[in-house]
Amino acid sequence: ALGSFLYGYDLTIVAEVVSSGSFLSFFSPSTTQIGLVASLL
């Protein structure tokens, strides 16, 4: 069930990743690109 653990973990951390100031300044993503980070998984 570590495979399910990975799914739950990844679903959760994406909220912090796409909202962190360092991520936004490093990549300067558009709103659509931010959506892609979450949805491509």
Full PDB file with SEQRES, HELIX, SHEET, SSBOND, CRYST1, ORIGX, SCALE, CONECT and MASTER records, all heavy atoms in Angstrom:
SEQRES   1 A   41  ALA LEU GLY SER PHE LEU TYR GLY TYR ASP LEU THR ILE          
SEQRES   2 A   41  VAL ALA GLU VAL VAL SER SER GLY SER PHE LEU SER PHE          
SEQRES   3 A   41  PHE SER PRO SER THR THR GLN ILE GLY LEU VAL ALA SER          
SEQRES   4 A   41  LEU LEU                                                      
HELIX    1 AA1 LEU A    2  SER A   19  1                                  18    
HELIX    2 AA2 GLY A   21  PHE A   27  1                                   7    
HELIX    3 AA3 THR A   31  SER A   39  1                                   9    
CRYST1    1.000    1.000    1.000  90.00  90.00  90.00 P 1           1          
ORIGX1      1.000000  0.000000  0.000000        0.00000                         
ORIGX2      0.000000  1.000000  0.000000        0.00000                         
ORIGX3      0.000000  0.000000  1.000000        0.00000                         
SCALE1      1.000000  0.000000  0.000000        0.00000                         
SCALE2      0.000000  1.000000  0.000000        0.00000                         
SCALE3      0.000000  0.000000  1.000000        0.00000                         
ATOM      1  N   ALA A   1       0.808  -1.216   0.000  1.00  0.00           N  
ATOM      2  CA  ALA A   1       0.000   0.000   0.000  1.00  0.00           C  
ATOM      3  C   ALA A   1       0.843   1.268   0.000  1.00  0.00           C  
ATOM      4  O   ALA A   1       0.285   2.372  -0.011  1.00  0.00           O  
ATOM      5  CB  ALA A   1      -0.942  -0.002   1.202  1.00  0.00           C  
ATOM      6  N   LEU A   2       2.166   1.146   0.001  1.00  0.00           N  
ATOM      7  CA  LEU A   2       3.018   2.325  -0.178  1.00  0.00           C  
ATOM      8  C   LEU A   2       2.683   3.039  -1.490  1.00  0.00           C  
ATOM      9  O   LEU A   2       2.884   4.241  -1.614  1.00  0.00           O  
ATOM     10  CB  LEU A   2       4.497   1.933  -0.166  1.00  0.00           C  
ATOM     11  CG  LEU A   2       5.148   1.703   1.197  1.00  0.00           C  
ATOM     12  CD1 LEU A   2       6.563   1.169   1.022  1.00  0.00           C  
ATOM     13  CD2 LEU A   2       5.157   2.993   2.014  1.00  0.00           C  
ATOM     14  N   GLY A   3       2.186   2.281  -2.473  1.00  0.00           N  
ATOM     15  CA  GLY A   3       1.774   2.913  -3.724  1.00  0.00           C  
ATOM     16  C   GLY A   3       0.643   3.898  -3.509  1.00  0.00           C  
ATOM     17  O   GLY A   3       0.618   4.989  -4.095  1.00  0.00           O  
ATOM     18  N   SER A   4      -0.333   3.551  -2.649  1.00  0.00           N  
ATOM     19  CA  SER A   4      -1.420   4.467  -2.316  1.00  0.00           C  
ATOM     20  C   SER A   4      -0.904   5.624  -1.472  1.00  0.00           C  
ATOM     21  O   SER A   4      -1.378   6.757  -1.598  1.00  0.00           O  
ATOM     22  CB  SER A   4      -2.517   3.713  -1.553  1.00  0.00           C  
ATOM     23  OG  SER A   4      -3.043   2.674  -2.341  1.00  0.00           O  
ATOM     24  N   PHE A   5       0.065   5.342  -0.604  1.00  0.00           N  
ATOM     25  CA  PHE A   5       0.694   6.407   0.184  1.00  0.00           C  
ATOM     26  C   PHE A   5       1.275   7.475  -0.740  1.00  0.00           C  
ATOM     27  O   PHE A   5       1.115   8.679  -0.498  1.00  0.00           O  
ATOM     28  CB  PHE A   5       1.793   5.803   1.060  1.00  0.00           C  
ATOM     29  CG  PHE A   5       2.588   6.816   1.844  1.00  0.00           C  
ATOM     30  CD1 PHE A   5       2.226   7.145   3.138  1.00  0.00           C  
ATOM     31  CD2 PHE A   5       3.697   7.441   1.289  1.00  0.00           C  
ATOM     32  CE1 PHE A   5       2.958   8.082   3.866  1.00  0.00           C  
ATOM     33  CE2 PHE A   5       4.434   8.379   2.003  1.00  0.00           C  
ATOM     34  CZ  PHE A   5       4.059   8.696   3.294  1.00  0.00           C  
ATOM     35  N   LEU A   6       1.943   7.045  -1.800  1.00  0.00           N  
ATOM     36  CA  LEU A   6       2.534   7.991  -2.751  1.00  0.00           C  
ATOM     37  C   LEU A   6       1.470   8.885  -3.373  1.00  0.00           C  
ATOM     38  O   LEU A   6       1.673  10.097  -3.547  1.00  0.00           O  
ATOM     39  CB  LEU A   6       3.278   7.228  -3.851  1.00  0.00           C  
ATOM     40  CG  LEU A   6       4.544   6.483  -3.443  1.00  0.00           C  
ATOM     41  CD1 LEU A   6       5.022   5.595  -4.585  1.00  0.00           C  
ATOM     42  CD2 LEU A   6       5.638   7.459  -3.032  1.00  0.00           C  
ATOM     43  N   TYR A   7       0.331   8.302  -3.714  1.00  0.00           N  
ATOM     44  CA  TYR A   7      -0.746   9.067  -4.331  1.00  0.00           C  
ATOM     45  C   TYR A   7      -1.262  10.133  -3.370  1.00  0.00           C  
ATOM     46  O   TYR A   7      -1.410  11.312  -3.724  1.00  0.00           O  
ATOM     47  CB  TYR A   7      -1.865   8.111  -4.743  1.00  0.00           C  
ATOM     48  CG  TYR A   7      -2.996   8.744  -5.506  1.00  0.00           C  
ATOM     49  CD1 TYR A   7      -2.798   9.852  -6.323  1.00  0.00           C  
ATOM     50  CD2 TYR A   7      -4.282   8.219  -5.419  1.00  0.00           C  
ATOM     51  CE1 TYR A   7      -3.843  10.418  -7.032  1.00  0.00           C  
ATOM     52  CE2 TYR A   7      -5.337   8.774  -6.130  1.00  0.00           C  
ATOM     53  CZ  TYR A   7      -5.115   9.877  -6.929  1.00  0.00           C  
ATOM     54  OH  TYR A   7      -6.155  10.435  -7.628  1.00  0.00           O  
ATOM     55  N   GLY A   8      -1.541   9.730  -2.118  1.00  0.00           N  
ATOM     56  CA  GLY A   8      -2.026  10.685  -1.134  1.00  0.00           C  
ATOM     57  C   GLY A   8      -1.022  11.782  -0.835  1.00  0.00           C  
ATOM     58  O   GLY A   8      -1.386  12.956  -0.694  1.00  0.00           O  
ATOM     59  N   TYR A   9       0.250  11.409  -0.748  1.00  0.00           N  
ATOM     60  CA  TYR A   9       1.300  12.383  -0.476  1.00  0.00           C  
ATOM     61  C   TYR A   9       1.390  13.411  -1.604  1.00  0.00           C  
ATOM     62  O   TYR A   9       1.423  14.626  -1.365  1.00  0.00           O  
ATOM     63  CB  TYR A   9       2.636  11.658  -0.308  1.00  0.00           C  
ATOM     64  CG  TYR A   9       3.810  12.574  -0.023  1.00  0.00           C  
ATOM     65  CD1 TYR A   9       4.149  12.918   1.282  1.00  0.00           C  
ATOM     66  CD2 TYR A   9       4.586  13.097  -1.063  1.00  0.00           C  
ATOM     67  CE1 TYR A   9       5.223  13.753   1.543  1.00  0.00           C  
ATOM     68  CE2 TYR A   9       5.654  13.933  -0.806  1.00  0.00           C  
ATOM     69  CZ  TYR A   9       5.967  14.254   0.490  1.00  0.00           C  
ATOM     70  OH  TYR A   9       7.036  15.101   0.739  1.00  0.00           O  
ATOM     71  N   ASP A  10       1.428  12.918  -2.832  1.00  0.00           N  
ATOM     72  CA  ASP A  10       1.599  13.813  -3.967  1.00  0.00           C  
ATOM     73  C   ASP A  10       0.395  14.722  -4.164  1.00  0.00           C  
ATOM     74  O   ASP A  10       0.531  15.888  -4.550  1.00  0.00           O  
ATOM     75  CB  ASP A  10       1.860  13.000  -5.240  1.00  0.00           C  
ATOM     76  CG  ASP A  10       2.711  13.757  -6.238  1.00  0.00           C  
ATOM     77  OD1 ASP A  10       2.341  14.891  -6.561  1.00  0.00           O  
ATOM     78  OD2 ASP A  10       3.750  13.235  -6.674  1.00  0.00           O  
ATOM     79  N   LEU A  11      -0.811  14.190  -3.929  1.00  0.00           N  
ATOM     80  CA  LEU A  11      -2.001  15.022  -4.040  1.00  0.00           C  
ATOM     81  C   LEU A  11      -1.957  16.201  -3.073  1.00  0.00           C  
ATOM     82  O   LEU A  11      -2.461  17.288  -3.379  1.00  0.00           O  
ATOM     83  CB  LEU A  11      -3.252  14.184  -3.742  1.00  0.00           C  
ATOM     84  CG  LEU A  11      -3.787  13.272  -4.841  1.00  0.00           C  
ATOM     85  CD1 LEU A  11      -4.957  12.451  -4.306  1.00  0.00           C  
ATOM     86  CD2 LEU A  11      -4.211  14.062  -6.063  1.00  0.00           C  
ATOM     87  N   THR A  12      -1.356  15.981  -1.907  1.00  0.00           N  
ATOM     88  CA  THR A  12      -1.378  16.989  -0.850  1.00  0.00           C  
ATOM     89  C   THR A  12      -0.301  18.044  -1.017  1.00  0.00           C  
ATOM     90  O   THR A  12      -0.562  19.240  -0.836  1.00  0.00           O  
ATOM     91  CB  THR A  12      -1.228  16.309   0.521  1.00  0.00           C  
ATOM     92  OG1 THR A  12      -2.227  15.287   0.652  1.00  0.00           O  
ATOM     93  CG2 THR A  12      -1.399  17.316   1.637  1.00  0.00           C  
ATOM     94  N   ILE A  13       0.913  17.648  -1.364  1.00  0.00           N  
ATOM     95  CA  ILE A  13       2.014  18.615  -1.390  1.00  0.00           C  
ATOM     96  C   ILE A  13       1.896  19.613  -2.529  1.00  0.00           C  
ATOM     97  O   ILE A  13       2.495  20.687  -2.476  1.00  0.00           O  
ATOM     98  CB  ILE A  13       3.382  17.904  -1.492  1.00  0.00           C  
ATOM     99  CG1 ILE A  13       3.505  17.113  -2.810  1.00  0.00           C  
ATOM    100  CG2 ILE A  13       3.612  17.016  -0.286  1.00  0.00           C  
ATOM    101  CD1 ILE A  13       4.914  16.595  -3.069  1.00  0.00           C  
ATOM    102  N   VAL A  14       1.092  19.293  -3.549  1.00  0.00           N  
ATOM    103  CA  VAL A  14       1.039  20.186  -4.698  1.00  0.00           C  
ATOM    104  C   VAL A  14       0.467  21.548  -4.312  1.00  0.00           C  
ATOM    105  O   VAL A  14       0.831  22.575  -4.910  1.00  0.00           O  
ATOM    106  CB  VAL A  14       0.225  19.546  -5.845  1.00  0.00           C  
ATOM    107  CG1 VAL A  14      -1.252  19.481  -5.506  1.00  0.00           C  
ATOM    108  CG2 VAL A  14       0.436  20.287  -7.151  1.00  0.00           C  
ATOM    109  N   ALA A  15      -0.418  21.606  -3.302  1.00  0.00           N  
ATOM    110  CA  ALA A  15      -0.974  22.890  -2.875  1.00  0.00           C  
ATOM    111  C   ALA A  15       0.131  23.817  -2.364  1.00  0.00           C  
ATOM    112  O   ALA A  15       0.144  25.022  -2.648  1.00  0.00           O  
ATOM    113  CB  ALA A  15      -2.032  22.675  -1.796  1.00  0.00           C  
ATOM    114  N   GLU A  16       1.074  23.241  -1.581  1.00  0.00           N  
ATOM    115  CA  GLU A  16       2.196  24.051  -1.076  1.00  0.00           C  
ATOM    116  C   GLU A  16       3.166  24.391  -2.186  1.00  0.00           C  
ATOM    117  O   GLU A  16       3.677  25.514  -2.265  1.00  0.00           O  
ATOM    118  CB  GLU A  16       2.907  23.270   0.036  1.00  0.00           C  
ATOM    119  CG  GLU A  16       4.039  24.036   0.704  1.00  0.00           C  
ATOM    120  CD  GLU A  16       5.399  23.806   0.032  1.00  0.00           C  
ATOM    121  OE1 GLU A  16       5.506  22.833  -0.734  1.00  0.00           O  
ATOM    122  OE2 GLU A  16       6.323  24.614   0.259  1.00  0.00           O  
ATOM    123  N   VAL A  17       3.430  23.451  -3.074  1.00  0.00           N  
ATOM    124  CA  VAL A  17       4.407  23.667  -4.144  1.00  0.00           C  
ATOM    125  C   VAL A  17       3.994  24.824  -5.033  1.00  0.00           C  
ATOM    126  O   VAL A  17       4.776  25.745  -5.299  1.00  0.00           O  
ATOM    127  CB  VAL A  17       4.579  22.377  -4.978  1.00  0.00           C  
ATOM    128  CG1 VAL A  17       5.376  22.667  -6.258  1.00  0.00           C  
ATOM    129  CG2 VAL A  17       5.298  21.312  -4.156  1.00  0.00           C  
ATOM    130  N   VAL A  18       2.745  24.813  -5.528  1.00  0.00           N  
ATOM    131  CA  VAL A  18       2.333  25.829  -6.506  1.00  0.00           C  
ATOM    132  C   VAL A  18       2.064  27.177  -5.861  1.00  0.00           C  
ATOM    133  O   VAL A  18       1.897  28.176  -6.581  1.00  0.00           O  
ATOM    134  CB  VAL A  18       1.084  25.369  -7.292  1.00  0.00           C  
ATOM    135  CG1 VAL A  18       1.373  24.095  -8.059  1.00  0.00           C  
ATOM    136  CG2 VAL A  18      -0.124  25.197  -6.380  1.00  0.00           C  
ATOM    137  N   SER A  19       2.026  27.231  -4.518  1.00  0.00           N  
ATOM    138  CA  SER A  19       1.768  28.509  -3.851  1.00  0.00           C  
ATOM    139  C   SER A  19       3.016  29.103  -3.209  1.00  0.00           C  
ATOM    140  O   SER A  19       2.981  30.259  -2.753  1.00  0.00           O  
ATOM    141  CB  SER A  19       0.685  28.329  -2.779  1.00  0.00           C  
ATOM    142  OG  SER A  19       1.117  27.442  -1.763  1.00  0.00           O  
ATOM    143  N   SER A  20       4.110  28.351  -3.144  1.00  0.00           N  
ATOM    144  CA  SER A  20       5.320  28.866  -2.494  1.00  0.00           C  
ATOM    145  C   SER A  20       5.950  29.973  -3.337  1.00  0.00           C  
ATOM    146  O   SER A  20       6.017  29.891  -4.574  1.00  0.00           O  
ATOM    147  CB  SER A  20       6.326  27.738  -2.273  1.00  0.00           C  
ATOM    148  OG  SER A  20       6.749  27.190  -3.497  1.00  0.00           O  
ATOM    149  N   GLY A  21       6.413  31.005  -2.648  1.00  0.00           N  
ATOM    150  CA  GLY A  21       6.983  32.150  -3.346  1.00  0.00           C  
ATOM    151  C   GLY A  21       8.195  31.790  -4.173  1.00  0.00           C  
ATOM    152  O   GLY A  21       8.395  32.321  -5.285  1.00  0.00           O  
ATOM    153  N   SER A  22       9.030  30.864  -3.677  1.00  0.00           N  
ATOM    154  CA  SER A  22      10.236  30.494  -4.412  1.00  0.00           C  
ATOM    155  C   SER A  22       9.886  29.764  -5.707  1.00  0.00           C  
ATOM    156  O   SER A  22      10.541  29.961  -6.733  1.00  0.00           O  
ATOM    157  CB  SER A  22      11.126  29.604  -3.532  1.00  0.00           C  
ATOM    158  OG  SER A  22      10.427  28.454  -3.095  1.00  0.00           O  
ATOM    159  N   PHE A  23       8.847  28.933  -5.687  1.00  0.00           N  
ATOM    160  CA  PHE A  23       8.428  28.236  -6.902  1.00  0.00           C  
ATOM    161  C   PHE A  23       7.903  29.232  -7.938  1.00  0.00           C  
ATOM    162  O   PHE A  23       8.245  29.156  -9.127  1.00  0.00           O  
ATOM    163  CB  PHE A  23       7.338  27.211  -6.561  1.00  0.00           C  
ATOM    164  CG  PHE A  23       6.824  26.429  -7.734  1.00  0.00           C  
ATOM    165  CD1 PHE A  23       7.449  25.252  -8.133  1.00  0.00           C  
ATOM    166  CD2 PHE A  23       5.703  26.850  -8.447  1.00  0.00           C  
ATOM    167  CE1 PHE A  23       6.972  24.517  -9.214  1.00  0.00           C  
ATOM    168  CE2 PHE A  23       5.227  26.128  -9.531  1.00  0.00           C  
ATOM    169  CZ  PHE A  23       5.864  24.961  -9.908  1.00  0.00           C  
ATOM    170  N   LEU A  24       7.085  30.179  -7.484  1.00  0.00           N  
ATOM    171  CA  LEU A  24       6.513  31.158  -8.403  1.00  0.00           C  
ATOM    172  C   LEU A  24       7.579  32.071  -8.997  1.00  0.00           C  
ATOM    173  O   LEU A  24       7.533  32.410 -10.184  1.00  0.00           O  
ATOM    174  CB  LEU A  24       5.448  31.986  -7.671  1.00  0.00           C  
ATOM    175  CG  LEU A  24       4.220  31.207  -7.174  1.00  0.00           C  
ATOM    176  CD1 LEU A  24       3.323  32.104  -6.336  1.00  0.00           C  
ATOM    177  CD2 LEU A  24       3.443  30.631  -8.351  1.00  0.00           C  
ATOM    178  N   SER A  25       8.562  32.448  -8.189  1.00  0.00           N  
ATOM    179  CA  SER A  25       9.615  33.329  -8.706  1.00  0.00           C  
ATOM    180  C   SER A  25      10.597  32.576  -9.604  1.00  0.00           C  
ATOM    181  O   SER A  25      11.138  33.140 -10.551  1.00  0.00           O  
ATOM    182  CB  SER A  25      10.374  33.971  -7.536  1.00  0.00           C  
ATOM    183  OG  SER A  25      11.017  32.973  -6.744  1.00  0.00           O  
ATOM    184  N   PHE A  26      10.802  31.279  -9.325  1.00  0.00           N  
ATOM    185  CA  PHE A  26      11.751  30.483 -10.109  1.00  0.00           C  
ATOM    186  C   PHE A  26      11.212  30.189 -11.507  1.00  0.00           C  
ATOM    187  O   PHE A  26      11.945  30.231 -12.499  1.00  0.00           O  
ATOM    188  CB  PHE A  26      12.060  29.176  -9.380  1.00  0.00           C  
ATOM    189  CG  PHE A  26      13.205  28.389  -9.965  1.00  0.00           C  
ATOM    190  CD1 PHE A  26      14.525  28.680  -9.609  1.00  0.00           C  
ATOM    191  CD2 PHE A  26      12.979  27.363 -10.863  1.00  0.00           C  
ATOM    192  CE1 PHE A  26      15.586  27.962 -10.145  1.00  0.00           C  
ATOM    193  CE2 PHE A  26      14.033  26.636 -11.407  1.00  0.00           C  
ATOM    194  CZ  PHE A  26      15.345  26.937 -11.050  1.00  0.00           C  
ATOM    195  N   PHE A  27       9.913  29.878 -11.611  1.00  0.00           N  
ATOM    196  CA  PHE A  27       9.338  29.465 -12.892  1.00  0.00           C  
ATOM    197  C   PHE A  27       8.441  30.527 -13.530  1.00  0.00           C  
ATOM    198  O   PHE A  27       8.180  30.457 -14.734  1.00  0.00           O  
ATOM    199  CB  PHE A  27       8.522  28.176 -12.711  1.00  0.00           C  
ATOM    200  CG  PHE A  27       9.343  26.986 -12.309  1.00  0.00           C  
ATOM    201  CD1 PHE A  27       9.237  26.458 -11.039  1.00  0.00           C  
ATOM    202  CD2 PHE A  27      10.230  26.397 -13.197  1.00  0.00           C  
ATOM    203  CE1 PHE A  27       9.990  25.358 -10.655  1.00  0.00           C  
ATOM    204  CE2 PHE A  27      10.990  25.293 -12.822  1.00  0.00           C  
ATOM    205  CZ  PHE A  27      10.870  24.778 -11.544  1.00  0.00           C  
ATOM    206  N   SER A  28       7.923  31.464 -12.711  1.00  0.00           N  
ATOM    207  CA  SER A  28       6.990  32.488 -13.203  1.00  0.00           C  
ATOM    208  C   SER A  28       5.867  31.879 -14.037  1.00  0.00           C  
ATOM    209  O   SER A  28       5.623  32.277 -15.191  1.00  0.00           O  
ATOM    210  CB  SER A  28       7.744  33.541 -14.039  1.00  0.00           C  
ATOM    211  OG  SER A  28       8.735  34.173 -13.279  1.00  0.00           O  
ATOM    212  N   PRO A  29       5.142  30.903 -13.493  1.00  0.00           N  
ATOM    213  CA  PRO A  29       4.104  30.214 -14.278  1.00  0.00           C  
ATOM    214  C   PRO A  29       2.839  31.052 -14.409  1.00  0.00           C  
ATOM    215  O   PRO A  29       2.511  31.869 -13.532  1.00  0.00           O  
ATOM    216  CB  PRO A  29       3.840  28.954 -13.459  1.00  0.00           C  
ATOM    217  CG  PRO A  29       4.119  29.374 -12.055  1.00  0.00           C  
ATOM    218  CD  PRO A  29       5.245  30.364 -12.122  1.00  0.00           C  
ATOM    219  N   SER A  30       2.126  30.847 -15.500  1.00  0.00           N  
ATOM    220  CA  SER A  30       0.817  31.455 -15.675  1.00  0.00           C  
ATOM    221  C   SER A  30      -0.213  30.637 -14.902  1.00  0.00           C  
ATOM    222  O   SER A  30       0.088  29.563 -14.371  1.00  0.00           O  
ATOM    223  CB  SER A  30       0.442  31.489 -17.156  1.00  0.00           C  
ATOM    224  OG  SER A  30       0.300  30.162 -17.654  1.00  0.00           O  
ATOM    225  N   THR A  31      -1.447  31.148 -14.845  1.00  0.00           N  
ATOM    226  CA  THR A  31      -2.515  30.415 -14.154  1.00  0.00           C  
ATOM    227  C   THR A  31      -2.742  29.051 -14.791  1.00  0.00           C  
ATOM    228  O   THR A  31      -2.917  28.040 -14.100  1.00  0.00           O  
ATOM    229  CB  THR A  31      -3.820  31.224 -14.202  1.00  0.00           C  
ATOM    230  OG1 THR A  31      -3.606  32.483 -13.573  1.00  0.00           O  
ATOM    231  CG2 THR A  31      -4.943  30.479 -13.480  1.00  0.00           C  
ATOM    232  N   THR A  32      -2.708  29.008 -16.115  1.00  0.00           N  
ATOM    233  CA  THR A  32      -2.889  27.738 -16.822  1.00  0.00           C  
ATOM    234  C   THR A  32      -1.755  26.768 -16.521  1.00  0.00           C  
ATOM    235  O   THR A  32      -1.980  25.566 -16.333  1.00  0.00           O  
ATOM    236  CB  THR A  32      -2.981  27.968 -18.339  1.00  0.00           C  
ATOM    237  OG1 THR A  32      -4.071  28.848 -18.611  1.00  0.00           O  
ATOM    238  CG2 THR A  32      -3.196  26.661 -19.082  1.00  0.00           C  
ATOM    239  N   GLN A  33      -0.539  27.282 -16.455  1.00  0.00           N  
ATOM    240  CA  GLN A  33       0.609  26.420 -16.165  1.00  0.00           C  
ATOM    241  C   GLN A  33       0.549  25.872 -14.744  1.00  0.00           C  
ATOM    242  O   GLN A  33       0.943  24.722 -14.499  1.00  0.00           O  
ATOM    243  CB  GLN A  33       1.910  27.194 -16.390  1.00  0.00           C  
ATOM    244  CG  GLN A  33       2.215  27.460 -17.848  1.00  0.00           C  
ATOM    245  CD  GLN A  33       3.456  28.313 -18.033  1.00  0.00           C  
ATOM    246  OE1 GLN A  33       3.711  29.249 -17.272  1.00  0.00           O  
ATOM    247  NE2 GLN A  33       4.237  28.009 -19.062  1.00  0.00           N  
ATOM    248  N   ILE A  34       0.055  26.673 -13.805  1.00  0.00           N  
ATOM    249  CA  ILE A  34      -0.118  26.182 -12.437  1.00  0.00           C  
ATOM    250  C   ILE A  34      -1.116  25.031 -12.420  1.00  0.00           C  
ATOM    251  O   ILE A  34      -0.930  24.022 -11.740  1.00  0.00           O  
ATOM    252  CB  ILE A  34      -0.582  27.318 -11.509  1.00  0.00           C  
ATOM    253  CG1 ILE A  34       0.558  28.318 -11.305  1.00  0.00           C  
ATOM    254  CG2 ILE A  34      -1.038  26.757 -10.159  1.00  0.00           C  
ATOM    255  CD1 ILE A  34       0.175  29.529 -10.490  1.00  0.00           C  
ATOM    256  N   GLY A  35      -2.173  25.173 -13.214  1.00  0.00           N  
ATOM    257  CA  GLY A  35      -3.145  24.091 -13.316  1.00  0.00           C  
ATOM    258  C   GLY A  35      -2.532  22.825 -13.876  1.00  0.00           C  
ATOM    259  O   GLY A  35      -2.862  21.719 -13.449  1.00  0.00           O  
ATOM    260  N   LEU A  36      -1.597  22.970 -14.817  1.00  0.00           N  
ATOM    261  CA  LEU A  36      -0.944  21.807 -15.410  1.00  0.00           C  
ATOM    262  C   LEU A  36      -0.102  21.046 -14.390  1.00  0.00           C  
ATOM    263  O   LEU A  36      -0.011  19.820 -14.443  1.00  0.00           O  
ATOM    264  CB  LEU A  36      -0.063  22.236 -16.586  1.00  0.00           C  
ATOM    265  CG  LEU A  36      -0.772  22.517 -17.907  1.00  0.00           C  
ATOM    266  CD1 LEU A  36       0.205  23.091 -18.926  1.00  0.00           C  
ATOM    267  CD2 LEU A  36      -1.407  21.238 -18.451  1.00  0.00           C  
ATOM    268  N   VAL A  37       0.527  21.772 -13.458  1.00  0.00           N  
ATOM    269  CA  VAL A  37       1.339  21.116 -12.436  1.00  0.00           C  
ATOM    270  C   VAL A  37       0.488  20.127 -11.644  1.00  0.00           C  
ATOM    271  O   VAL A  37       0.912  19.009 -11.345  1.00  0.00           O  
ATOM    272  CB  VAL A  37       1.977  22.155 -11.484  1.00  0.00           C  
ATOM    273  CG1 VAL A  37       2.678  21.466 -10.320  1.00  0.00           C  
ATOM    274  CG2 VAL A  37       2.964  23.021 -12.242  1.00  0.00           C  
ATOM    275  N   ALA A  38      -0.720  20.543 -11.316  1.00  0.00           N  
ATOM    276  CA  ALA A  38      -1.612  19.662 -10.558  1.00  0.00           C  
ATOM    277  C   ALA A  38      -2.223  18.576 -11.433  1.00  0.00           C  
ATOM    278  O   ALA A  38      -2.284  17.408 -11.054  1.00  0.00           O  
ATOM    279  CB  ALA A  38      -2.717  20.499  -9.904  1.00  0.00           C  
ATOM    280  N   SER A  39      -2.662  18.942 -12.623  1.00  0.00           N  
ATOM    281  CA  SER A  39      -3.480  18.017 -13.415  1.00  0.00           C  
ATOM    282  C   SER A  39      -2.669  16.999 -14.199  1.00  0.00           C  
ATOM    283  O   SER A  39      -3.185  15.932 -14.539  1.00  0.00           O  
ATOM    284  CB  SER A  39      -4.361  18.806 -14.384  1.00  0.00           C  
ATOM    285  OG  SER A  39      -3.587  19.585 -15.270  1.00  0.00           O  
ATOM    286  N   LEU A  40      -1.398  17.270 -14.504  1.00  0.00           N  
ATOM    287  CA  LEU A  40      -0.624  16.317 -15.294  1.00  0.00           C  
ATOM    288  C   LEU A  40      -0.348  15.026 -14.534  1.00  0.00           C  
ATOM    289  O   LEU A  40      -0.143  13.975 -15.145  1.00  0.00           O  
ATOM    290  CB  LEU A  40       0.693  16.937 -15.763  1.00  0.00           C  
ATOM    291  CG  LEU A  40       0.640  17.666 -17.114  1.00  0.00           C  
ATOM    292  CD1 LEU A  40       2.003  18.223 -17.475  1.00  0.00           C  
ATOM    293  CD2 LEU A  40       0.150  16.742 -18.217  1.00  0.00           C  
ATOM    294  N   LEU A  41      -0.328  15.078 -13.199  1.00  0.00           N  
ATOM    295  CA  LEU A  41      -0.140  13.850 -12.424  1.00  0.00           C  
ATOM    296  C   LEU A  41      -1.262  12.858 -12.740  1.00  0.00           C  
ATOM    297  O   LEU A  41      -1.012  11.696 -13.023  1.00  0.00           O  
ATOM    298  CB  LEU A  41      -0.122  14.158 -10.929  1.00  0.00           C  
ATOM    299  CG  LEU A  41       0.091  12.924 -10.047  1.00  0.00           C  
ATOM    300  CD1 LEU A  41       1.577  12.636  -9.883  1.00  0.00           C  
ATOM    301  CD2 LEU A  41      -0.549  13.115  -8.673  1.00  0.00           C  
TER     302      LEU A  41                                                      
MASTER        0    0    0    3    0    0    0    6  301    1    0    4          
END                                                                             
